[in-house]
Amino acid sequence: MDGVIFDSEKVICELWIEYAKEVGLKGVDTLIYRCIGITDVATMGLFKEQFGEDFDYRKHKQVISERFHAKYDGGKLPTKPGIRELLGFLKEHGVVTALASSTRKPVVEAELGDAGLLDYFNLVIGGDMVSRSKPDPEIFLLAAGELKKAGLVSDKFDNDKKNYFVIEDSFNGIRAAHAAGMSPIMVPDLLMPDDEIKGLCHRKFDSLFDVKAYFEEIF
């Protein structure tokens, strides 16, 4: 969701960097980019790794959360160019679509609902529904399993995980999709792929409009 559907990763990183300067936290300007695509629990682990086990991550995160929601709640969070066109195409052609986000499910559903995008998805999986953060493939395998359980994909389809396309912007997301045996498509946001990530991608596109054009060819 963040960085693919919403232009939120940039916003969150900017909020953390601004706040860190206010309170004198050193190194957040680089640390925060390591947190892209992982769960809140995993993010807390990275902060404690840098600032010590006594670091009160929850207290600082609450400030960021309050500032974020004050500014962007109610449908004000900007969407990425091409997302409505892509989701509209997929729905029109009956393509089963799930969202697997490291963000907590209630937040995911609220933000998608505010933007009028929730109904495009057959299924929503949040980071609070898994025990392991990306780059572990658990979240994508759970999404596939739930689609199968709901009868939205067949056993034959599910047996070859490359049938699942995963659109990601983060390194850890691409790693997780590849580890799940799926077909990762990268649309870079804040991080440009290095040689490792390029090697894990099924495709890399500059925009969601390009992803839509690719799907128009294959569906």
Protein backbone atom coordinates (compact mmCIF):
# COMPACT_ATOMS: atom_id res chain seq x y z
CA MET A 1 0.00 0.00 0.00
CA ASP A 2 2.53 2.59 1.15
CA GLY A 3 4.69 3.67 -1.77
CA VAL A 4 2.62 1.75 -4.35
CA ILE A 5 -0.95 2.95 -3.81
CA PHE A 6 -0.30 6.02 -1.66
CA ASP A 7 2.57 8.49 -1.81
CA SER A 8 2.91 7.96 1.92
CA GLU A 9 6.45 6.65 2.40
CA LYS A 10 7.88 9.99 1.37
CA VAL A 11 5.52 11.75 3.78
CA ILE A 12 6.36 9.44 6.70
CA CYS A 13 10.10 9.71 6.11
CA GLU A 14 9.85 13.51 6.02
CA LEU A 15 7.84 13.57 9.27
CA TRP A 16 10.42 11.37 11.04
CA ILE A 17 13.38 13.42 9.79
CA GLU A 18 11.73 16.70 10.81
CA TYR A 19 10.79 15.32 14.24
CA ALA A 20 14.26 13.82 14.81
CA LYS A 21 15.81 17.26 14.32
CA GLU A 22 13.39 18.72 16.88
CA VAL A 23 14.28 16.19 19.58
CA GLY A 24 17.92 15.59 18.69
CA LEU A 25 17.79 12.01 17.40
CA LYS A 26 20.89 11.44 15.28
CA GLY A 27 20.91 9.19 12.24
CA VAL A 28 17.16 8.96 11.66
CA ASP A 29 17.63 10.47 8.19
CA THR A 30 19.27 7.23 7.06
CA LEU A 31 17.65 4.77 9.49
CA ILE A 32 14.12 5.56 8.37
CA TYR A 33 14.83 4.36 4.83
CA ARG A 34 15.80 0.94 6.21
CA CYS A 35 12.27 0.72 7.62
CA ILE A 36 10.52 0.93 4.26
CA GLY A 37 8.34 -2.11 3.61
CA ILE A 38 8.58 -3.69 7.07
CA THR A 39 6.12 -3.95 9.96
CA ASP A 40 5.92 -1.57 12.88
CA VAL A 41 7.37 -4.23 15.18
CA ALA A 42 10.35 -4.72 12.88
CA THR A 43 10.78 -0.95 12.65
CA MET A 44 10.85 -0.71 16.44
CA GLY A 45 13.59 -3.34 16.44
CA LEU A 46 15.75 -1.25 14.10
CA PHE A 47 15.23 1.87 16.24
CA LYS A 48 16.19 -0.01 19.39
CA GLU A 49 19.20 -1.47 17.62
CA GLN A 50 20.39 2.06 16.87
CA PHE A 51 19.31 3.93 20.01
CA GLY A 52 19.36 1.17 22.64
CA GLU A 53 16.80 -1.13 24.25
CA ASP A 54 15.57 1.68 26.53
CA PHE A 55 14.54 3.81 23.54
CA ASP A 56 10.82 4.57 23.84
CA TYR A 57 9.90 3.99 20.21
CA ARG A 58 6.16 3.94 20.91
CA LYS A 59 6.23 7.42 22.44
CA HIS A 60 8.02 8.91 19.44
CA LYS A 61 5.94 6.94 16.93
CA GLN A 62 2.77 8.33 18.56
CA VAL A 63 3.88 11.86 17.74
CA ILE A 64 4.52 10.90 14.12
CA SER A 65 1.16 9.13 13.92
CA GLU A 66 -0.72 12.13 15.31
CA ARG A 67 0.95 14.50 12.86
CA PHE A 68 0.31 12.14 9.95
CA HIS A 69 -3.39 11.64 10.73
CA ALA A 70 -3.96 15.35 11.43
CA LYS A 71 -2.66 16.19 7.97
CA TYR A 72 -3.87 13.30 5.81
CA ASP A 73 -7.00 11.70 7.27
CA GLY A 74 -10.28 11.98 5.40
CA GLY A 75 -8.99 11.10 1.94
CA LYS A 76 -6.22 13.71 1.87
CA LEU A 77 -3.41 11.18 1.48
CA PRO A 78 -2.11 11.54 -2.10
CA THR A 79 -2.35 8.47 -4.33
CA LYS A 80 0.35 7.36 -6.76
CA PRO A 81 -0.21 8.28 -10.41
CA GLY A 82 -1.93 5.51 -12.34
CA ILE A 83 -3.26 3.51 -9.37
CA ARG A 84 -6.93 4.19 -10.11
CA GLU A 85 -6.47 3.32 -13.77
CA LEU A 86 -4.62 0.09 -12.90
CA LEU A 87 -7.13 -1.05 -10.28
CA GLY A 88 -10.01 -0.17 -12.58
CA PHE A 89 -8.51 -2.28 -15.36
CA LEU A 90 -7.99 -5.26 -13.06
CA LYS A 91 -11.54 -5.09 -11.71
CA GLU A 92 -13.01 -4.68 -15.19
CA HIS A 93 -11.20 -7.81 -16.36
CA GLY A 94 -12.08 -9.87 -13.30
CA VAL A 95 -8.52 -10.21 -12.04
CA VAL A 96 -8.50 -11.35 -8.40
CA THR A 97 -6.67 -8.71 -6.39
CA ALA A 98 -5.37 -8.80 -2.82
CA LEU A 99 -3.54 -6.19 -0.79
CA ALA A 100 -0.78 -7.42 1.54
CA SER A 101 0.64 -4.51 3.53
CA SER A 102 3.02 -4.29 6.47
CA THR A 103 0.66 -1.66 7.88
CA ARG A 104 -2.00 -2.82 10.39
CA LYS A 105 -5.20 -4.01 8.71
CA PRO A 106 -7.55 -1.44 10.35
CA VAL A 107 -5.31 1.39 9.11
CA VAL A 108 -5.10 -0.16 5.63
CA GLU A 109 -8.87 -0.47 5.37
CA ALA A 110 -9.45 3.04 6.71
CA GLU A 111 -7.02 4.66 4.28
CA LEU A 112 -8.28 2.66 1.31
CA GLY A 113 -11.86 3.46 2.32
CA ASP A 114 -11.15 7.19 2.61
CA ALA A 115 -9.61 7.13 -0.88
CA GLY A 116 -12.50 5.15 -2.36
CA LEU A 117 -10.23 2.22 -3.23
CA LEU A 118 -11.24 -0.51 -0.78
CA ASP A 119 -13.81 -2.12 -3.08
CA TYR A 120 -11.16 -2.83 -5.71
CA PHE A 121 -9.67 -5.58 -3.51
CA ASN A 122 -11.01 -9.08 -2.95
CA LEU A 123 -8.90 -9.41 0.19
CA VAL A 124 -6.85 -7.29 2.60
CA ILE A 125 -4.00 -8.68 4.70
CA GLY A 126 -2.30 -6.42 7.26
CA GLY A 127 1.04 -6.60 9.02
CA ASP A 128 -0.76 -7.34 12.29
CA MET A 129 -1.91 -10.66 10.82
CA VAL A 130 1.58 -12.15 10.46
CA SER A 131 4.37 -12.94 12.89
CA ARG A 132 7.27 -12.30 10.52
CA SER A 133 7.94 -9.09 8.61
CA LYS A 134 9.11 -8.79 5.02
CA PRO A 135 11.57 -9.93 3.64
CA ASP A 136 10.04 -13.12 5.04
CA PRO A 137 7.39 -14.30 2.52
CA GLU A 138 4.75 -15.05 5.18
CA ILE A 139 2.44 -12.15 4.30
CA PHE A 140 2.26 -13.03 0.60
CA LEU A 141 1.81 -16.74 1.26
CA LEU A 142 -0.98 -15.92 3.71
CA ALA A 143 -2.70 -13.76 1.08
CA ALA A 144 -2.46 -16.58 -1.46
CA GLY A 145 -3.77 -19.08 1.07
CA GLU A 146 -6.74 -16.89 1.96
CA LEU A 147 -7.61 -16.36 -1.72
CA LYS A 148 -7.52 -20.12 -2.22
CA LYS A 149 -9.58 -20.74 0.92
CA ALA A 150 -12.21 -18.28 -0.32
CA GLY A 151 -12.43 -20.13 -3.63
CA LEU A 152 -11.13 -17.13 -5.59
CA VAL A 153 -8.21 -19.08 -7.09
CA SER A 154 -8.00 -22.75 -8.02
CA ASP A 155 -5.64 -25.37 -6.63
CA LYS A 156 -4.00 -25.63 -10.05
CA PHE A 157 -3.42 -21.87 -10.16
CA ASP A 158 -2.06 -21.79 -6.62
CA ASN A 159 0.30 -24.71 -7.19
CA ASP A 160 2.54 -22.47 -9.31
CA LYS A 161 3.09 -19.35 -7.22
CA LYS A 162 4.54 -17.53 -10.24
CA ASN A 163 0.91 -17.03 -11.27
CA TYR A 164 0.75 -14.39 -8.51
CA PHE A 165 2.08 -10.97 -9.51
CA VAL A 166 3.27 -8.81 -6.61
CA ILE A 167 3.64 -5.07 -7.19
CA GLU A 168 6.18 -3.60 -4.78
CA ASP A 169 8.33 -0.53 -4.32
CA SER A 170 10.50 -1.69 -1.42
CA PHE A 171 13.56 -3.92 -1.41
CA ASN A 172 12.14 -6.08 1.38
CA GLY A 173 8.87 -6.43 -0.49
CA ILE A 174 10.64 -7.66 -3.61
CA ARG A 175 12.72 -10.07 -1.52
CA ALA A 176 9.58 -11.40 0.16
CA ALA A 177 7.70 -11.87 -3.11
CA HIS A 178 10.66 -13.68 -4.66
CA ALA A 179 11.05 -15.89 -1.58
CA ALA A 180 7.35 -16.79 -1.92
CA GLY A 181 8.05 -18.03 -5.45
CA MET A 182 5.85 -15.31 -6.93
CA SER A 183 6.47 -12.83 -9.78
CA PRO A 184 7.67 -9.52 -8.28
CA ILE A 185 7.07 -6.33 -10.24
CA MET A 186 8.96 -3.32 -8.94
CA VAL A 187 7.77 0.26 -9.37
CA PRO A 188 10.45 2.22 -7.48
CA ASP A 189 9.40 5.00 -5.14
CA LEU A 190 12.13 6.27 -2.79
CA LEU A 191 14.64 3.48 -3.42
CA MET A 192 16.11 2.64 -6.82
CA PRO A 193 16.86 -1.09 -7.29
CA ASP A 194 20.45 -2.28 -6.99
CA ASP A 195 21.85 -5.33 -8.79
CA GLU A 196 20.51 -7.72 -6.14
CA ILE A 197 16.95 -6.42 -6.41
CA LYS A 198 17.02 -6.26 -10.20
CA GLY A 199 17.95 -9.93 -10.19
CA LEU A 200 14.91 -10.79 -8.07
CA CYS A 201 12.37 -8.86 -10.16
CA HIS A 202 10.11 -10.40 -12.77
CA ARG A 203 9.77 -6.92 -14.26
CA LYS A 204 10.67 -3.35 -13.28
CA PHE A 205 8.58 -0.42 -14.47
CA ASP A 206 8.83 3.33 -13.98
CA SER A 207 5.13 3.86 -13.27
CA LEU A 208 1.83 2.13 -12.60
CA PHE A 209 0.72 3.20 -16.07
CA ASP A 210 3.48 0.95 -17.42
CA VAL A 211 2.25 -1.91 -15.20
CA LYS A 212 -1.25 -1.46 -16.62
CA ALA A 213 0.12 -1.56 -20.17
CA TYR A 214 1.99 -4.79 -19.34
CA PHE A 215 -1.13 -6.40 -17.89
CA GLU A 216 -3.11 -5.30 -20.96
CA GLU A 217 -0.70 -7.42 -23.01
CA ILE A 218 -0.90 -10.57 -20.89
CA PHE A 219 -4.49 -10.67 -19.61
